[in-house]
C-alpha cells in the first residue's frame, strides 16, 4: 500500500471506528485486523491493523475468544 493510500485508509477507518466506539461504553478498545492470505502466502506484507489499544492487549483478547470456543 502506498503511503498516500495508507494515510487515506487510516483516516477513513478512523471515522468508522469512532462511529462504532460510540455504541459502547466509554473507554472501550477497538482493534481492526485486515488480512490478505493470498498476499501473505506470497511473502508480502499484507496486514492492516489499527487499534486504540496495545497490540499485546488486543492479542490477549483474541486469544481469550479463541480459548472460549474450544
Protein backbone atom coordinates (compact mmCIF):
# COMPACT_ATOMS: atom_id res chain seq x y z
CA UNK A 1 0.00 0.00 0.00
CA UNK A 2 1.43 3.39 -0.91
CA UNK A 3 1.97 5.98 1.82
CA UNK A 4 -0.86 8.14 0.40
CA UNK A 5 -3.24 5.19 0.18
CA UNK A 6 -2.32 4.06 3.69
CA UNK A 7 -2.92 7.55 5.11
CA UNK A 8 -6.27 7.81 3.33
CA UNK A 9 -7.28 4.34 4.55
CA UNK A 10 -6.30 5.17 8.13
CA UNK A 11 -8.37 8.37 8.00
CA UNK A 12 -11.44 6.58 6.64
CA UNK A 13 -11.14 3.70 9.10
CA UNK A 14 -10.68 6.11 11.99
CA UNK A 15 -14.04 7.73 11.26
CA UNK A 16 -15.76 4.33 11.11
CA UNK A 17 -14.09 3.06 14.29
CA UNK A 18 -15.16 6.23 16.11
CA UNK A 19 -18.75 5.59 15.00
CA UNK A 20 -18.53 2.02 16.30
CA UNK A 21 -16.93 3.16 19.57
CA UNK A 22 -19.91 5.43 20.21
CA UNK A 23 -22.08 2.29 20.55
CA UNK A 24 -20.04 1.00 23.52
CA UNK A 25 -19.25 2.25 26.98
CA UNK A 26 -16.58 4.95 27.20
CA UNK A 27 -13.09 3.51 27.25
CA UNK A 28 -13.88 0.56 25.00
CA UNK A 29 -10.90 -0.61 22.99
CA UNK A 30 -11.28 -1.32 19.29
CA UNK A 31 -8.97 -3.23 17.02
CA UNK A 32 -9.41 -3.80 13.31
CA UNK A 33 -7.34 -6.52 11.66
CA UNK A 34 -7.45 -6.96 7.91
CA UNK A 35 -5.54 -9.88 6.41
CA UNK A 36 -4.92 -10.88 2.83
CA UNK A 37 -3.93 -14.57 2.99
CA UNK A 38 -3.08 -14.64 -0.72
CA UNK A 39 -0.51 -11.89 -0.30
CA UNK A 40 0.76 -13.46 2.92
CA UNK A 41 1.41 -16.70 1.06
CA UNK A 42 3.40 -14.73 -1.49
CA UNK A 43 5.57 -13.28 1.28
CA UNK A 44 4.17 -9.77 1.01
CA UNK A 45 3.32 -7.52 3.96
CA UNK A 46 -0.44 -7.62 3.65
CA UNK A 47 -1.72 -6.96 7.16
CA UNK A 48 -3.55 -3.81 8.23
CA UNK A 49 -4.00 -3.34 11.97
CA UNK A 50 -5.49 -0.25 13.54
CA UNK A 51 -6.19 -0.07 17.26
CA UNK A 52 -6.62 2.28 20.18
CA UNK A 53 -5.26 -0.48 22.41
CA UNK A 54 -1.84 -2.05 22.77
CA UNK A 55 -1.16 -4.93 20.42
CA UNK A 56 -0.43 -7.19 23.40
CA UNK A 57 -3.86 -6.48 24.92
CA UNK A 58 -5.60 -6.92 21.55
CA UNK A 59 -3.83 -10.25 21.05
CA UNK A 60 -4.81 -11.34 24.56
CA UNK A 61 -8.47 -10.55 23.79
CA UNK A 62 -8.31 -12.60 20.59
CA UNK A 63 -6.71 -15.47 22.48
CA UNK A 64 -9.50 -15.35 25.10
CA UNK A 65 -12.10 -15.55 22.34
CA UNK A 66 -10.24 -18.44 20.73
CA UNK A 67 -9.96 -20.31 24.05
CA UNK A 68 -13.67 -19.75 24.77
CA UNK A 69 -14.61 -21.51 21.51
CA UNK A 70 -12.74 -24.70 22.43
